[in-house]
Each structure stands twice: as C-alpha cells, then as structure tokens.
Amino acid sequence: MTPRSGDSGMHLAERLPPDAPDQALARAARRHGMGPRPLSRHSLLPDAAHNGLVLGYGNTPESAFTPGLRQLARLARELDCPLAARTS
C-alpha cells in the first residue's frame, strides 16, 4: 500500500485497482475493529475507477499502523482483492 495524504489532515487515501471491492473490504475491516471508509462512497459518480480506502489516523498510536495494514492485507487476501498482491 502507498497511502496518500495532503499537507495536513487526519486521513490517508489509498487507491485500489478497479476490480478491488473497496466496500466489501471496508465492511470486513469493521468486523475486525477497524474503521476504514470506502473511497467510492465519497465520489459524485461512483465507479470502479474510484475504488480505495480512506484511513483515519487521528487517534491511532504509531505502533498500530503496521499491524493494521497487515490485517487489511489479510482481509484483502480473504476477499481475493488485488491489494493482497501489492502488500505481500
């Protein structure tokens, strides 16, 4: 994963390949206590080209970043999400 952020803020945006199910991945992450939002839900014209995750980090300790990203990768593998190949 290569999360992108602006110069300020409390969120990162990670784009996913068009065939990645961002909404399904976000739902799976919520079941494991994580709270990413599907980027496609923030698009005025939702389509597969706008897949991704919005990751908030405002109240997340630095020590939780790596385990959290590893958990997302495991969930992506379970969903056969293309993200899994990019984060191994």
N, C-alpha and C. Protein backbone atom coordinates (compact mmCIF):
# COMPACT_ATOMS: atom_id res chain seq x y z
N MET A 1 0.84 -1.18 0.00
CA MET A 1 0.00 0.00 0.00
C MET A 1 0.88 1.23 0.00
N THR A 2 0.43 2.26 -0.67
CA THR A 2 1.11 3.55 -0.66
C THR A 2 0.07 4.62 -0.35
N PRO A 3 -0.29 4.77 0.92
CA PRO A 3 -1.31 5.77 1.25
C PRO A 3 -0.86 7.17 0.87
N ARG A 4 -1.81 7.98 0.46
CA ARG A 4 -1.53 9.36 0.06
C ARG A 4 -2.22 10.31 1.03
N SER A 5 -1.57 11.38 1.34
CA SER A 5 -2.17 12.36 2.22
C SER A 5 -1.81 13.75 1.72
N GLY A 6 -2.54 14.72 2.19
CA GLY A 6 -2.23 16.10 1.86
C GLY A 6 -1.18 16.63 2.82
N ASP A 7 -1.01 17.94 2.81
CA ASP A 7 -0.03 18.56 3.71
C ASP A 7 -0.50 18.56 5.15
N SER A 8 -1.78 18.43 5.36
CA SER A 8 -2.32 18.39 6.72
C SER A 8 -3.54 17.48 6.73
N GLY A 9 -4.04 17.20 7.90
CA GLY A 9 -5.23 16.39 7.99
C GLY A 9 -5.03 15.18 8.86
N MET A 10 -6.08 14.40 8.98
CA MET A 10 -6.07 13.24 9.86
C MET A 10 -6.48 11.98 9.13
N HIS A 11 -6.40 12.00 7.78
CA HIS A 11 -6.80 10.85 6.98
C HIS A 11 -5.81 10.62 5.85
N LEU A 12 -5.72 9.38 5.42
CA LEU A 12 -4.94 9.00 4.24
C LEU A 12 -5.90 8.36 3.25
N ALA A 13 -5.63 8.51 1.99
CA ALA A 13 -6.43 7.86 0.96
C ALA A 13 -5.55 6.87 0.22
N GLU A 14 -6.02 5.63 0.13
CA GLU A 14 -5.31 4.58 -0.59
C GLU A 14 -6.17 4.17 -1.78
N ARG A 15 -5.69 4.43 -2.98
CA ARG A 15 -6.41 3.99 -4.19
C ARG A 15 -6.22 2.49 -4.36
N LEU A 16 -7.27 1.82 -4.81
CA LEU A 16 -7.22 0.40 -5.09
C LEU A 16 -7.45 0.16 -6.57
N PRO A 17 -7.03 -0.97 -7.09
CA PRO A 17 -7.29 -1.29 -8.50
C PRO A 17 -8.80 -1.32 -8.76
N PRO A 18 -9.22 -1.06 -9.99
CA PRO A 18 -10.66 -1.01 -10.32
C PRO A 18 -11.44 -2.26 -9.94
N ASP A 19 -10.80 -3.42 -9.94
CA ASP A 19 -11.53 -4.64 -9.60
C ASP A 19 -11.48 -4.98 -8.11
N ALA A 20 -10.94 -4.08 -7.30
CA ALA A 20 -10.89 -4.30 -5.85
C ALA A 20 -12.22 -3.86 -5.22
N PRO A 21 -12.82 -4.71 -4.40
CA PRO A 21 -14.10 -4.39 -3.78
C PRO A 21 -13.91 -3.53 -2.52
N ASP A 22 -13.76 -2.22 -2.69
CA ASP A 22 -13.46 -1.37 -1.54
C ASP A 22 -14.55 -1.40 -0.48
N GLN A 23 -15.80 -1.48 -0.88
CA GLN A 23 -16.88 -1.50 0.12
C GLN A 23 -16.86 -2.80 0.91
N ALA A 24 -16.62 -3.92 0.25
CA ALA A 24 -16.54 -5.21 0.94
C ALA A 24 -15.32 -5.25 1.88
N LEU A 25 -14.21 -4.69 1.44
CA LEU A 25 -13.01 -4.66 2.27
C LEU A 25 -13.23 -3.80 3.50
N ALA A 26 -13.89 -2.66 3.34
CA ALA A 26 -14.18 -1.79 4.48
C ALA A 26 -15.12 -2.49 5.46
N ARG A 27 -16.14 -3.20 4.96
CA ARG A 27 -17.06 -3.93 5.85
C ARG A 27 -16.30 -5.01 6.63
N ALA A 28 -15.43 -5.75 5.95
CA ALA A 28 -14.65 -6.79 6.62
C ALA A 28 -13.75 -6.18 7.70
N ALA A 29 -13.14 -5.05 7.39
CA ALA A 29 -12.26 -4.39 8.37
C ALA A 29 -13.06 -3.93 9.59
N ARG A 30 -14.27 -3.42 9.37
CA ARG A 30 -15.10 -3.01 10.51
C ARG A 30 -15.43 -4.18 11.42
N ARG A 31 -15.63 -5.36 10.84
CA ARG A 31 -15.90 -6.55 11.66
C ARG A 31 -14.69 -6.92 12.53
N HIS A 32 -13.52 -6.40 12.19
CA HIS A 32 -12.30 -6.67 12.96
C HIS A 32 -11.86 -5.43 13.76
N GLY A 33 -12.78 -4.52 14.01
CA GLY A 33 -12.48 -3.37 14.86
C GLY A 33 -11.77 -2.22 14.20
N MET A 34 -11.67 -2.25 12.89
CA MET A 34 -11.02 -1.16 12.16
C MET A 34 -12.11 -0.29 11.54
N GLY A 35 -11.77 0.91 11.12
CA GLY A 35 -12.80 1.81 10.61
C GLY A 35 -12.52 2.50 9.29
N PRO A 36 -11.93 1.81 8.30
CA PRO A 36 -11.73 2.50 7.02
C PRO A 36 -13.07 2.75 6.33
N ARG A 37 -13.10 3.77 5.50
CA ARG A 37 -14.29 4.09 4.71
C ARG A 37 -13.98 3.81 3.25
N PRO A 38 -14.94 3.27 2.52
CA PRO A 38 -14.69 3.05 1.09
C PRO A 38 -14.65 4.38 0.34
N LEU A 39 -13.60 4.59 -0.40
CA LEU A 39 -13.43 5.83 -1.15
C LEU A 39 -14.53 6.01 -2.19
N SER A 40 -15.02 4.91 -2.74
CA SER A 40 -16.06 5.01 -3.77
C SER A 40 -17.32 5.68 -3.25
N ARG A 41 -17.57 5.62 -1.97
CA ARG A 41 -18.76 6.27 -1.40
C ARG A 41 -18.64 7.79 -1.35
N HIS A 42 -17.44 8.30 -1.53
CA HIS A 42 -17.22 9.75 -1.49
C HIS A 42 -17.18 10.36 -2.89
N SER A 43 -17.40 9.56 -3.89
CA SER A 43 -17.34 10.03 -5.27
C SER A 43 -18.73 10.49 -5.73
N LEU A 44 -18.77 11.60 -6.46
CA LEU A 44 -20.05 12.07 -7.01
C LEU A 44 -20.58 11.10 -8.05
N LEU A 45 -19.68 10.47 -8.78
CA LEU A 45 -20.05 9.50 -9.81
C LEU A 45 -19.34 8.19 -9.50
N PRO A 46 -19.83 7.43 -8.51
CA PRO A 46 -19.13 6.21 -8.13
C PRO A 46 -18.97 5.22 -9.27
N ASP A 47 -17.77 4.77 -9.47
CA ASP A 47 -17.49 3.68 -10.40
C ASP A 47 -16.20 3.01 -9.96
N ALA A 48 -15.85 1.93 -10.57
CA ALA A 48 -14.70 1.14 -10.15
C ALA A 48 -13.39 1.92 -10.19
N ALA A 49 -13.31 2.95 -11.02
CA ALA A 49 -12.07 3.73 -11.11
C ALA A 49 -11.81 4.53 -9.84
N HIS A 50 -12.79 4.65 -8.97
CA HIS A 50 -12.64 5.43 -7.75
C HIS A 50 -12.57 4.55 -6.50
N ASN A 51 -12.20 3.29 -6.66
CA ASN A 51 -12.08 2.40 -5.52
C ASN A 51 -10.90 2.79 -4.66
N GLY A 52 -11.07 2.61 -3.39
CA GLY A 52 -9.98 2.88 -2.46
C GLY A 52 -10.49 2.87 -1.04
N LEU A 53 -9.61 3.20 -0.12
CA LEU A 53 -9.98 3.27 1.29
C LEU A 53 -9.53 4.61 1.85
N VAL A 54 -10.35 5.19 2.71
CA VAL A 54 -9.98 6.37 3.48
C VAL A 54 -9.63 5.85 4.87
N LEU A 55 -8.40 6.10 5.28
CA LEU A 55 -7.89 5.60 6.55
C LEU A 55 -7.66 6.76 7.51
N GLY A 56 -8.42 6.80 8.59
CA GLY A 56 -8.22 7.84 9.60
C GLY A 56 -7.13 7.43 10.56
N TYR A 57 -6.33 8.40 11.00
CA TYR A 57 -5.24 8.07 11.92
C TYR A 57 -5.13 9.05 13.07
N GLY A 58 -6.11 9.90 13.24
CA GLY A 58 -6.05 10.95 14.26
C GLY A 58 -5.86 10.45 15.68
N ASN A 59 -6.48 9.34 16.03
CA ASN A 59 -6.35 8.83 17.39
C ASN A 59 -5.71 7.43 17.41
N THR A 60 -4.85 7.18 16.43
CA THR A 60 -4.21 5.88 16.30
C THR A 60 -2.74 5.99 16.69
N PRO A 61 -2.30 5.19 17.65
CA PRO A 61 -0.88 5.23 18.00
C PRO A 61 -0.02 4.69 16.86
N GLU A 62 1.16 5.22 16.74
CA GLU A 62 2.06 4.80 15.67
C GLU A 62 2.29 3.29 15.68
N SER A 63 2.30 2.70 16.84
CA SER A 63 2.55 1.26 16.96
C SER A 63 1.44 0.42 16.34
N ALA A 64 0.29 1.01 16.05
CA ALA A 64 -0.84 0.27 15.47
C ALA A 64 -0.83 0.29 13.94
N PHE A 65 -0.02 1.13 13.32
CA PHE A 65 -0.04 1.26 11.85
C PHE A 65 0.33 -0.04 11.14
N THR A 66 1.48 -0.58 11.45
CA THR A 66 1.94 -1.79 10.75
C THR A 66 0.99 -2.97 10.98
N PRO A 67 0.60 -3.26 12.23
CA PRO A 67 -0.36 -4.36 12.41
C PRO A 67 -1.69 -4.10 11.69
N GLY A 68 -2.13 -2.86 11.66
CA GLY A 68 -3.38 -2.54 10.97
C GLY A 68 -3.29 -2.77 9.48
N LEU A 69 -2.20 -2.37 8.88
CA LEU A 69 -2.02 -2.59 7.44
C LEU A 69 -1.87 -4.07 7.13
N ARG A 70 -1.21 -4.80 8.01
CA ARG A 70 -1.10 -6.26 7.81
C ARG A 70 -2.48 -6.92 7.90
N GLN A 71 -3.30 -6.46 8.83
CA GLN A 71 -4.65 -7.00 8.94
C GLN A 71 -5.46 -6.70 7.68
N LEU A 72 -5.35 -5.48 7.15
CA LEU A 72 -6.03 -5.16 5.90
C LEU A 72 -5.56 -6.07 4.77
N ALA A 73 -4.27 -6.36 4.72
CA ALA A 73 -3.74 -7.25 3.68
C ALA A 73 -4.32 -8.65 3.83
N ARG A 74 -4.42 -9.14 5.07
CA ARG A 74 -5.01 -10.48 5.29
C ARG A 74 -6.47 -10.49 4.84
N LEU A 75 -7.22 -9.45 5.20
CA LEU A 75 -8.62 -9.38 4.79
C LEU A 75 -8.74 -9.31 3.27
N ALA A 76 -7.83 -8.57 2.64
CA ALA A 76 -7.85 -8.46 1.18
C ALA A 76 -7.61 -9.83 0.55
N ARG A 77 -6.68 -10.59 1.10
CA ARG A 77 -6.43 -11.94 0.57
C ARG A 77 -7.68 -12.81 0.70
N GLU A 78 -8.37 -12.71 1.83
CA GLU A 78 -9.60 -13.49 2.03
C GLU A 78 -10.67 -13.13 1.01
N LEU A 79 -10.67 -11.89 0.55
CA LEU A 79 -11.65 -11.42 -0.43
C LEU A 79 -11.15 -11.54 -1.87
N ASP A 80 -9.97 -12.12 -2.05
CA ASP A 80 -9.32 -12.19 -3.37
C ASP A 80 -9.19 -10.80 -3.98
N CYS A 81 -8.90 -9.85 -3.15
CA CYS A 81 -8.74 -8.46 -3.56
C CYS A 81 -7.33 -8.25 -4.11
N PRO A 82 -7.19 -7.55 -5.23
CA PRO A 82 -5.86 -7.31 -5.82
C PRO A 82 -4.88 -6.63 -4.90
N LEU A 83 -5.36 -5.96 -3.87
CA LEU A 83 -4.48 -5.30 -2.91
C LEU A 83 -3.50 -6.28 -2.30
N ALA A 84 -3.93 -7.52 -2.09
CA ALA A 84 -3.10 -8.52 -1.41
C ALA A 84 -1.78 -8.72 -2.12
N ALA A 85 -1.78 -8.72 -3.44
CA ALA A 85 -0.54 -8.93 -4.19
C ALA A 85 0.41 -7.74 -4.04
N ARG A 86 -0.15 -6.54 -3.83
CA ARG A 86 0.67 -5.35 -3.73
C ARG A 86 1.24 -5.14 -2.33
N THR A 87 0.74 -5.84 -1.32
CA THR A 87 1.19 -5.60 0.04
C THR A 87 1.94 -6.77 0.65
N SER A 88 2.18 -7.81 -0.09
CA SER A 88 2.85 -9.00 0.46
C SER A 88 4.29 -8.71 0.79
